[in-house]
Amino acid sequence: MPRVWFITGSSRGVGRALVEKILESGDVVVATARNPSQLDDIVAKYGSDKILATALDVTDFDQANKAAEEAVDKFGRIDVVVNNAGYADMASIEDADIKGFREQVDVNLFGVVNVTKAIVPIMRNQKSGHIIQVSSVGGRVGTPGAAAYQSAKWAVGGFSTVLAQEVAPFGIKVTVTEPGGIKTDWANIATETAKVSEPYEKTVGQMIQLVKGHSTWTEASEIARAIIHLSNVEDPPLRIILGKDALQYAHMAAKALAESDEKWDSVSKLEF
């Protein structure tokens, strides 16, 4: 029996690659996007009996509920949800537009919350399901210029850690994938409107240049392949790094934190 997938941010990047790989495998997909017409070619290729392309702005909780209802009406259940929708604009905290900062957190964090809340009752009634978050290694490290994006990703990790404990009794699994750099238009979008004032040229400015030189990043199709693999694992991890670059950054951050904890051990114990 084919599984039913529900994917956000399906029109490009990892989301689109995932939709195509899932359909190739024989499963069926509810592919959501702000503009679902961008998926018309995939619908034409595989047929409306295999894919439902529907509109979803993840910041709209009512729309998330509606999309979840459409999924169940069409396919009868939801086996795997992939919270993939997200974006980044780069700027120093001082230079960042506060409205834009809030909008990033709204999409990258509350979008996950909205879709998860819409899907959990369905999976709880089924007594099964797998919620997969497409987060980022930015949920473990801090990068100049990415405060809004990475703050949201850190929060997704915390949210999902709590979620996993709450829904485990219902047979629902939770996995947070934390990729490094991915070869999509993310980098171009993140840097094209970047605001870098003179005081931050050596921190935020240098990081933006690094992001622009993303030729060695991981292909979106490889991240999609990893997500499908994780969906087939009997006991999947709660959190997993994806990509060699991400592993390097995560290990460096973990090492620095462990060294800091050891250095300040006496103060932590209040023995000073």
C-alpha atoms as a PDB file:
ATOM      1  CA  MET A   1       0.000   0.000   0.000  1.00  0.00           C
ATOM      2  CA  PRO A   2       1.537   3.349  -1.001  1.00  0.00           C
ATOM      3  CA  ARG A   3       2.256   5.824   1.758  1.00  0.00           C
ATOM      4  CA  VAL A   4       0.743   9.306   1.752  1.00  0.00           C
ATOM      5  CA  TRP A   5       3.204  12.185   2.087  1.00  0.00           C
ATOM      6  CA  PHE A   6       2.362  15.810   2.944  1.00  0.00           C
ATOM      7  CA  ILE A   7       5.107  18.245   1.955  1.00  0.00           C
ATOM      8  CA  THR A   8       5.378  22.009   2.393  1.00  0.00           C
ATOM      9  CA  GLY A   9       7.488  24.236   0.175  1.00  0.00           C
ATOM     10  CA  SER A  10       7.101  21.819  -2.732  1.00  0.00           C
ATOM     11  CA  SER A  11       7.582  24.175  -5.668  1.00  0.00           C
ATOM     12  CA  ARG A  12      11.387  24.298  -5.653  1.00  0.00           C
ATOM     13  CA  GLY A  13      14.607  23.071  -4.081  1.00  0.00           C
ATOM     14  CA  VAL A  14      14.476  20.151  -1.672  1.00  0.00           C
ATOM     15  CA  GLY A  15      10.676  20.122  -1.662  1.00  0.00           C
ATOM     16  CA  ARG A  16      10.357  19.678  -5.407  1.00  0.00           C
ATOM     17  CA  ALA A  17      13.159  17.089  -5.523  1.00  0.00           C
ATOM     18  CA  LEU A  18      11.433  15.174  -2.740  1.00  0.00           C
ATOM     19  CA  VAL A  19       8.044  15.225  -4.477  1.00  0.00           C
ATOM     20  CA  GLU A  20       9.550  13.753  -7.642  1.00  0.00           C
ATOM     21  CA  LYS A  21      11.524  11.041  -5.832  1.00  0.00           C
ATOM     22  CA  ILE A  22       8.476  10.022  -3.793  1.00  0.00           C
ATOM     23  CA  LEU A  23       6.311   9.721  -6.892  1.00  0.00           C
ATOM     24  CA  GLU A  24       9.031   7.714  -8.634  1.00  0.00           C
ATOM     25  CA  SER A  25       9.001   5.308  -5.671  1.00  0.00           C
ATOM     26  CA  GLY A  26       5.263   4.652  -6.009  1.00  0.00           C
ATOM     27  CA  ASP A  27       4.031   6.596  -2.987  1.00  0.00           C
ATOM     28  CA  VAL A  28       1.523   9.444  -3.300  1.00  0.00           C
ATOM     29  CA  VAL A  29       1.986  13.094  -2.354  1.00  0.00           C
ATOM     30  CA  VAL A  30       0.086  16.111  -1.145  1.00  0.00           C
ATOM     31  CA  ALA A  31       2.420  18.815  -2.448  1.00  0.00           C
ATOM     32  CA  THR A  32       1.758  22.243  -0.978  1.00  0.00           C
ATOM     33  CA  ALA A  33       3.099  25.611  -2.042  1.00  0.00           C
ATOM     34  CA  ARG A  34       2.040  29.234  -2.001  1.00  0.00           C
ATOM     35  CA  ASN A  35       1.592  28.926  -5.758  1.00  0.00           C
ATOM     36  CA  PRO A  36       0.668  25.307  -6.555  1.00  0.00           C
ATOM     37  CA  SER A  37       0.499  26.028 -10.296  1.00  0.00           C
ATOM     38  CA  GLN A  38       4.301  25.735 -10.212  1.00  0.00           C
ATOM     39  CA  LEU A  39       3.702  22.001  -9.791  1.00  0.00           C
ATOM     40  CA  ASP A  40       1.469  21.653 -12.866  1.00  0.00           C
ATOM     41  CA  ASP A  41       4.191  19.854 -14.824  1.00  0.00           C
ATOM     42  CA  ILE A  42       4.585  17.200 -12.134  1.00  0.00           C
ATOM     43  CA  VAL A  43       0.814  16.722 -11.861  1.00  0.00           C
ATOM     44  CA  ALA A  44       0.623  16.310 -15.644  1.00  0.00           C
ATOM     45  CA  LYS A  45       3.450  13.753 -15.593  1.00  0.00           C
ATOM     46  CA  TYR A  46       2.197  11.539 -12.745  1.00  0.00           C
ATOM     47  CA  GLY A  47      -1.556  12.189 -12.734  1.00  0.00           C
ATOM     48  CA  SER A  48      -3.976  13.651 -10.213  1.00  0.00           C
ATOM     49  CA  ASP A  49      -4.531  10.213  -8.676  1.00  0.00           C
ATOM     50  CA  LYS A  50      -0.907  10.258  -7.452  1.00  0.00           C
ATOM     51  CA  ILE A  51      -0.411  13.892  -6.470  1.00  0.00           C
ATOM     52  CA  LEU A  52      -2.604  16.606  -5.002  1.00  0.00           C
ATOM     53  CA  ALA A  53      -1.080  20.058  -5.454  1.00  0.00           C
ATOM     54  CA  THR A  54      -2.739  22.542  -3.136  1.00  0.00           C
ATOM     55  CA  ALA A  55      -2.178  26.088  -1.907  1.00  0.00           C
ATOM     56  CA  LEU A  56      -0.631  26.632   1.501  1.00  0.00           C
ATOM     57  CA  ASP A  57       0.892  29.638   3.186  1.00  0.00           C
ATOM     58  CA  VAL A  58       2.339  27.948   6.259  1.00  0.00           C
ATOM     59  CA  THR A  59       1.917  31.101   8.349  1.00  0.00           C
ATOM     60  CA  ASP A  60      -1.874  30.696   8.047  1.00  0.00           C
ATOM     61  CA  PHE A  61      -3.099  28.101  10.559  1.00  0.00           C
ATOM     62  CA  ASP A  62      -6.584  27.909   9.049  1.00  0.00           C
ATOM     63  CA  GLN A  63      -5.087  27.217   5.631  1.00  0.00           C
ATOM     64  CA  ALA A  64      -2.875  24.501   7.140  1.00  0.00           C
ATOM     65  CA  ASN A  65      -5.956  22.835   8.604  1.00  0.00           C
ATOM     66  CA  LYS A  66      -7.748  23.074   5.265  1.00  0.00           C
ATOM     67  CA  ALA A  67      -4.810  21.509   3.391  1.00  0.00           C
ATOM     68  CA  ALA A  68      -4.651  18.659   5.914  1.00  0.00           C
ATOM     69  CA  GLU A  69      -8.387  18.052   5.489  1.00  0.00           C
ATOM     70  CA  GLU A  70      -7.990  18.036   1.694  1.00  0.00           C
ATOM     71  CA  ALA A  71      -5.223  15.460   2.045  1.00  0.00           C
ATOM     72  CA  VAL A  72      -7.395  13.110   4.093  1.00  0.00           C
ATOM     73  CA  ASP A  73     -10.393  13.635   1.814  1.00  0.00           C
ATOM     74  CA  LYS A  74      -8.223  12.725  -1.189  1.00  0.00           C
ATOM     75  CA  PHE A  75      -6.067   9.878   0.135  1.00  0.00           C
ATOM     76  CA  GLY A  76      -7.657   8.835   3.441  1.00  0.00           C
ATOM     77  CA  ARG A  77      -4.624   9.347   5.668  1.00  0.00           C
ATOM     78  CA  ILE A  78      -1.264  11.087   6.092  1.00  0.00           C
ATOM     79  CA  ASP A  79       1.738   8.870   6.804  1.00  0.00           C
ATOM     80  CA  VAL A  80       4.659  11.292   6.529  1.00  0.00           C
ATOM     81  CA  VAL A  81       4.695  15.073   6.813  1.00  0.00           C
ATOM     82  CA  VAL A  82       7.770  17.029   5.761  1.00  0.00           C
ATOM     83  CA  ASN A  83       7.926  20.599   7.035  1.00  0.00           C
ATOM     84  CA  ASN A  84      10.234  21.979   4.375  1.00  0.00           C
ATOM     85  CA  ALA A  85       8.987  25.521   3.674  1.00  0.00           C
ATOM     86  CA  GLY A  86      11.448  28.212   4.721  1.00  0.00           C
ATOM     87  CA  TYR A  87      13.656  31.077   3.628  1.00  0.00           C
ATOM     88  CA  ALA A  88      16.394  33.419   4.835  1.00  0.00           C
ATOM     89  CA  ASP A  89      17.355  37.053   4.416  1.00  0.00           C
ATOM     90  CA  MET A  90      20.804  37.969   5.686  1.00  0.00           C
ATOM     91  CA  ALA A  91      21.630  41.057   7.740  1.00  0.00           C
ATOM     92  CA  SER A  92      23.306  41.901  11.004  1.00  0.00           C
ATOM     93  CA  ILE A  93      20.966  42.124  13.980  1.00  0.00           C
ATOM     94  CA  GLU A  94      21.525  45.868  14.115  1.00  0.00           C
ATOM     95  CA  ASP A  95      20.808  46.336  10.400  1.00  0.00           C
ATOM     96  CA  ALA A  96      17.889  43.901  10.178  1.00  0.00           C
ATOM     97  CA  ASP A  97      14.431  45.253   9.447  1.00  0.00           C
ATOM     98  CA  ILE A  98      12.313  44.196  12.428  1.00  0.00           C
ATOM     99  CA  LYS A  99       9.295  43.398  10.241  1.00  0.00           C
ATOM    100  CA  GLY A 100      11.430  41.175   8.019  1.00  0.00           C
ATOM    101  CA  PHE A 101      12.972  39.524  11.083  1.00  0.00           C
ATOM    102  CA  ARG A 102       9.505  38.623  12.395  1.00  0.00           C
ATOM    103  CA  GLU A 103       8.411  37.344   8.983  1.00  0.00           C
ATOM    104  CA  GLN A 104      11.367  34.935   8.842  1.00  0.00           C
ATOM    105  CA  VAL A 105      10.555  33.576  12.287  1.00  0.00           C
ATOM    106  CA  ASP A 106       6.886  33.315  11.302  1.00  0.00           C
ATOM    107  CA  VAL A 107       7.662  31.145   8.260  1.00  0.00           C
ATOM    108  CA  ASN A 108      10.583  29.133   9.623  1.00  0.00           C
ATOM    109  CA  LEU A 109       9.187  28.445  13.107  1.00  0.00           C
ATOM    110  CA  PHE A 110       5.465  29.136  13.265  1.00  0.00           C
ATOM    111  CA  GLY A 111       4.991  27.569   9.842  1.00  0.00           C
ATOM    112  CA  VAL A 112       6.289  24.334  11.363  1.00  0.00           C
ATOM    113  CA  VAL A 113       4.060  24.780  14.411  1.00  0.00           C
ATOM    114  CA  ASN A 114       0.956  25.444  12.301  1.00  0.00           C
ATOM    115  CA  VAL A 115       1.364  22.450  10.004  1.00  0.00           C
ATOM    116  CA  THR A 116       2.347  20.150  12.860  1.00  0.00           C
ATOM    117  CA  LYS A 117      -0.729  21.137  14.885  1.00  0.00           C
ATOM    118  CA  ALA A 118      -2.922  20.501  11.846  1.00  0.00           C
ATOM    119  CA  ILE A 119      -1.430  17.059  11.180  1.00  0.00           C
ATOM    120  CA  VAL A 120      -0.945  15.606  14.677  1.00  0.00           C
ATOM    121  CA  PRO A 121      -4.661  14.891  15.346  1.00  0.00           C
ATOM    122  CA  ILE A 122      -4.838  12.933  12.088  1.00  0.00           C
ATOM    123  CA  MET A 123      -1.770  10.856  12.936  1.00  0.00           C
ATOM    124  CA  ARG A 124      -2.923  10.386  16.545  1.00  0.00           C
ATOM    125  CA  ASN A 125      -6.208   8.919  15.333  1.00  0.00           C
ATOM    126  CA  GLN A 126      -4.267   6.669  12.920  1.00  0.00           C
ATOM    127  CA  LYS A 127      -1.906   5.685  15.759  1.00  0.00           C
ATOM    128  CA  SER A 128       1.002   6.138  13.358  1.00  0.00           C
ATOM    129  CA  GLY A 129       2.952   8.713  11.388  1.00  0.00           C
ATOM    130  CA  HIS A 130       6.307  10.387  10.933  1.00  0.00           C
ATOM    131  CA  ILE A 131       6.885  14.128  11.226  1.00  0.00           C
ATOM    132  CA  ILE A 132      10.103  15.206   9.503  1.00  0.00           C
ATOM    133  CA  GLN A 133      11.389  18.755   9.899  1.00  0.00           C
ATOM    134  CA  VAL A 134      13.793  20.206   7.355  1.00  0.00           C
ATOM    135  CA  SER A 135      15.766  22.401   9.710  1.00  0.00           C
ATOM    136  CA  SER A 136      19.446  23.329   9.312  1.00  0.00           C
ATOM    137  CA  VAL A 137      22.839  22.921  10.896  1.00  0.00           C
ATOM    138  CA  GLY A 138      22.082  26.576  11.629  1.00  0.00           C
ATOM    139  CA  GLY A 139      19.949  25.142  14.426  1.00  0.00           C
ATOM    140  CA  ARG A 140      23.178  24.096  16.157  1.00  0.00           C
ATOM    141  CA  VAL A 141      25.580  26.899  15.239  1.00  0.00           C
ATOM    142  CA  GLY A 142      25.533  30.676  15.020  1.00  0.00           C
ATOM    143  CA  THR A 143      26.489  32.496  11.825  1.00  0.00           C
ATOM    144  CA  PRO A 144      26.886  36.279  11.452  1.00  0.00           C
ATOM    145  CA  GLY A 145      24.031  37.666   9.387  1.00  0.00           C
ATOM    146  CA  ALA A 146      21.620  34.787   9.967  1.00  0.00           C
ATOM    147  CA  ALA A 147      20.114  35.619  13.364  1.00  0.00           C
ATOM    148  CA  ALA A 148      16.465  35.517  12.274  1.00  0.00           C
ATOM    149  CA  TYR A 149      16.794  32.294  10.278  1.00  0.00           C
ATOM    150  CA  GLN A 150      18.976  30.473  12.775  1.00  0.00           C
ATOM    151  CA  SER A 151      16.982  31.588  15.822  1.00  0.00           C
ATOM    152  CA  ALA A 152      13.951  29.974  14.210  1.00  0.00           C
ATOM    153  CA  LYS A 153      15.896  26.801  13.423  1.00  0.00           C
ATOM    154  CA  TRP A 154      17.184  26.543  16.995  1.00  0.00           C
ATOM    155  CA  ALA A 155      13.567  26.854  18.112  1.00  0.00           C
ATOM    156  CA  VAL A 156      12.450  24.136  15.677  1.00  0.00           C
ATOM    157  CA  GLY A 157      14.922  21.796  17.368  1.00  0.00           C
ATOM    158  CA  GLY A 158      13.512  22.565  20.811  1.00  0.00           C
ATOM    159  CA  PHE A 159       9.912  22.380  19.621  1.00  0.00           C
ATOM    160  CA  SER A 160      10.528  19.008  17.991  1.00  0.00           C
ATOM    161  CA  THR A 161      12.309  17.587  21.047  1.00  0.00           C
ATOM    162  CA  VAL A 162       9.212  18.320  23.129  1.00  0.00           C
ATOM    163  CA  LEU A 163       6.874  17.155  20.351  1.00  0.00           C
ATOM    164  CA  ALA A 164       8.635  13.796  20.096  1.00  0.00           C
ATOM    165  CA  GLN A 165       8.021  13.084  23.782  1.00  0.00           C
ATOM    166  CA  GLU A 166       4.383  14.137  23.588  1.00  0.00           C
ATOM    167  CA  VAL A 167       3.415  12.081  20.536  1.00  0.00           C
ATOM    168  CA  ALA A 168       5.523   8.941  21.052  1.00  0.00           C
ATOM    169  CA  PRO A 169       2.672   7.179  22.929  1.00  0.00           C
ATOM    170  CA  PHE A 170       0.534   7.567  19.789  1.00  0.00           C
ATOM    171  CA  GLY A 171       3.019   5.793  17.523  1.00  0.00           C
ATOM    172  CA  ILE A 172       4.175   9.045  15.909  1.00  0.00           C
ATOM    173  CA  LYS A 173       7.873   9.499  15.143  1.00  0.00           C
ATOM    174  CA  VAL A 174       9.675  12.846  14.895  1.00  0.00           C
ATOM    175  CA  THR A 175      12.922  13.568  13.053  1.00  0.00           C
ATOM    176  CA  VAL A 176      14.703  16.896  12.640  1.00  0.00           C
ATOM    177  CA  THR A 177      17.018  16.892   9.625  1.00  0.00           C
ATOM    178  CA  GLU A 178      19.788  19.490   9.827  1.00  0.00           C
ATOM    179  CA  PRO A 179      21.425  19.965   6.423  1.00  0.00           C
ATOM    180  CA  GLY A 180      24.357  22.194   5.648  1.00  0.00           C
ATOM    181  CA  GLY A 181      24.593  24.104   2.386  1.00  0.00           C
ATOM    182  CA  ILE A 182      22.241  22.927  -0.367  1.00  0.00           C
ATOM    183  CA  LYS A 183      22.527  23.799  -4.052  1.00  0.00           C
ATOM    184  CA  THR A 184      19.220  25.626  -4.515  1.00  0.00           C
ATOM    185  CA  ASP A 185      18.244  29.239  -5.107  1.00  0.00           C
ATOM    186  CA  TRP A 186      18.254  29.673  -1.307  1.00  0.00           C
ATOM    187  CA  ALA A 187      21.725  31.219  -1.354  1.00  0.00           C
ATOM    188  CA  ASN A 188      20.848  33.739  -4.048  1.00  0.00           C
ATOM    189  CA  ILE A 189      17.630  34.727  -2.298  1.00  0.00           C
ATOM    190  CA  ALA A 190      19.353  34.966   1.091  1.00  0.00           C
ATOM    191  CA  THR A 191      22.092  37.267  -0.175  1.00  0.00           C
ATOM    192  CA  GLU A 192      20.478  39.354  -2.914  1.00  0.00           C
ATOM    193  CA  THR A 193      18.862  41.796  -0.474  1.00  0.00           C
ATOM    194  CA  ALA A 194      21.486  41.490   2.246  1.00  0.00           C
ATOM    195  CA  LYS A 195      22.114  44.616   4.282  1.00  0.00           C
ATOM    196  CA  VAL A 196      25.721  45.114   5.336  1.00  0.00           C
ATOM    197  CA  SER A 197      26.707  48.370   6.972  1.00  0.00           C
ATOM    198  CA  GLU A 198      30.385  49.291   7.288  1.00  0.00           C
ATOM    199  CA  PRO A 199      30.857  48.101  10.904  1.00  0.00           C
ATOM    200  CA  TYR A 200      29.778  44.577   9.917  1.00  0.00           C
ATOM    201  CA  GLU A 201      31.715  44.131   6.678  1.00  0.00           C
ATOM    202  CA  LYS A 202      34.277  41.826   8.330  1.00  0.00           C
ATOM    203  CA  THR A 203      31.660  39.568   9.932  1.00  0.00           C
ATOM    204  CA  VAL A 204      28.351  39.602   8.072  1.00  0.00           C
ATOM    205  CA  GLY A 205      29.958  40.776   4.827  1.00  0.00           C
ATOM    206  CA  GLN A 206      32.479  37.945   4.768  1.00  0.00           C
ATOM    207  CA  MET A 207      29.781  35.396   5.574  1.00  0.00           C
ATOM    208  CA  ILE A 208      27.635  36.628   2.694  1.00  0.00           C
ATOM    209  CA  GLN A 209      30.561  36.177   0.310  1.00  0.00           C
ATOM    210  CA  LEU A 210      31.029  32.646   1.638  1.00  0.00           C
ATOM    211  CA  VAL A 211      27.359  31.854   1.045  1.00  0.00           C
ATOM    212  CA  LYS A 212      27.577  33.187  -2.513  1.00  0.00           C
ATOM    213  CA  GLY A 213      30.418  30.772  -3.272  1.00  0.00           C
ATOM    214  CA  HIS A 214      28.280  27.684  -2.751  1.00  0.00           C
ATOM    215  CA  SER A 215      29.502  25.466  -5.594  1.00  0.00           C
ATOM    216  CA  THR A 216      30.574  22.662  -3.221  1.00  0.00           C
ATOM    217  CA  TRP A 217      27.264  22.395  -1.408  1.00  0.00           C
ATOM    218  CA  THR A 218      25.077  19.275  -1.407  1.00  0.00           C
ATOM    219  CA  GLU A 219      22.584  18.644  -4.212  1.00  0.00           C
ATOM    220  CA  ALA A 220      18.916  19.006  -3.225  1.00  0.00           C
ATOM    221  CA  SER A 221      18.262  15.519  -4.612  1.00  0.00           C
ATOM    222  CA  GLU A 222      20.714  14.044  -2.092  1.00  0.00           C
ATOM    223  CA  ILE A 223      18.889  15.651   0.828  1.00  0.00           C
ATOM    224  CA  ALA A 224      15.617  14.336  -0.601  1.00  0.00           C
ATOM    225  CA  ARG A 225      17.138  10.847  -0.845  1.00  0.00           C
ATOM    226  CA  ALA A 226      18.221  11.017   2.796  1.00  0.00           C
ATOM    227  CA  ILE A 227      14.741  12.076   3.920  1.00  0.00           C
ATOM    228  CA  ILE A 228      13.149   9.131   2.118  1.00  0.00           C
ATOM    229  CA  HIS A 229      15.720   6.783   3.669  1.00  0.00           C
ATOM    230  CA  LEU A 230      14.942   8.119   7.151  1.00  0.00           C
ATOM    231  CA  SER A 231      11.222   7.622   6.547  1.00  0.00           C
ATOM    232  CA  ASN A 232      11.908   3.911   6.030  1.00  0.00           C
ATOM    233  CA  VAL A 233      13.955   3.451   9.210  1.00  0.00           C
ATOM    234  CA  GLU A 234      12.233   1.552  12.023  1.00  0.00           C
ATOM    235  CA  ASP A 235      13.792   3.665  14.790  1.00  0.00           C
ATOM    236  CA  PRO A 236      14.778   7.005  13.197  1.00  0.00           C
ATOM    237  CA  PRO A 237      16.894   9.588  15.026  1.00  0.00           C
ATOM    238  CA  LEU A 238      15.312  12.613  16.653  1.00  0.00           C
ATOM    239  CA  ARG A 239      17.991  14.862  15.142  1.00  0.00           C
ATOM    240  CA  ILE A 240      20.427  14.165  12.328  1.00  0.00           C
ATOM    241  CA  ILE A 241      23.017  16.241  10.495  1.00  0.00           C
ATOM    242  CA  LEU A 242      23.019  15.949   6.683  1.00  0.00           C
ATOM    243  CA  GLY A 243      26.076  16.836   4.618  1.00  0.00           C
ATOM    244  CA  LYS A 244      29.816  16.718   5.242  1.00  0.00           C
ATOM    245  CA  ASP A 245      30.033  20.490   5.669  1.00  0.00           C
ATOM    246  CA  ALA A 246      27.245  20.388   8.242  1.00  0.00           C
ATOM    247  CA  LEU A 247      29.031  17.644  10.180  1.00  0.00           C
ATOM    248  CA  GLN A 248      32.171  19.751  10.349  1.00  0.00           C
ATOM    249  CA  TYR A 249      30.328  22.841  11.596  1.00  0.00           C
ATOM    250  CA  ALA A 250      28.275  20.865  14.119  1.00  0.00           C
ATOM    251  CA  HIS A 251      31.315  19.083  15.554  1.00  0.00           C
ATOM    252  CA  MET A 252      33.206  22.364  15.885  1.00  0.00           C
ATOM    253  CA  ALA A 253      30.271  23.965  17.706  1.00  0.00           C
ATOM    254  CA  ALA A 254      29.822  20.982  20.033  1.00  0.00           C
ATOM    255  CA  LYS A 255      33.552  20.930  20.823  1.00  0.00           C
ATOM    256  CA  ALA A 256      33.596  24.657  21.594  1.00  0.00           C
ATOM    257  CA  LEU A 257      30.586  24.318  23.900  1.00  0.00           C
ATOM    258  CA  ALA A 258      32.082  21.336  25.739  1.00  0.00           C
ATOM    259  CA  GLU A 259      35.355  23.207  26.226  1.00  0.00           C
ATOM    260  CA  SER A 260      33.514  26.262  27.548  1.00  0.00           C
ATOM    261  CA  ASP A 261      31.480  24.134  29.966  1.00  0.00           C
ATOM    262  CA  GLU A 262      34.677  22.559  31.273  1.00  0.00           C
ATOM    263  CA  LYS A 263      36.467  25.902  31.581  1.00  0.00           C
ATOM    264  CA  TRP A 264      33.652  27.445  33.616  1.00  0.00           C
ATOM    265  CA  ASP A 265      32.809  24.299  35.589  1.00  0.00           C
ATOM    266  CA  SER A 266      33.518  25.873  38.993  1.00  0.00           C
ATOM    267  CA  VAL A 267      31.222  28.815  38.290  1.00  0.00           C
ATOM    268  CA  SER A 268      28.492  26.460  37.058  1.00  0.00           C
ATOM    269  CA  LYS A 269      28.746  24.616  40.389  1.00  0.00           C
ATOM    270  CA  LEU A 270      28.671  27.986  42.181  1.00  0.00           C
ATOM    271  CA  GLU A 271      32.066  27.119  43.697  1.00  0.00           C
ATOM    272  CA  PHE A 272      33.805  30.466  43.279  1.00  0.00           C
END
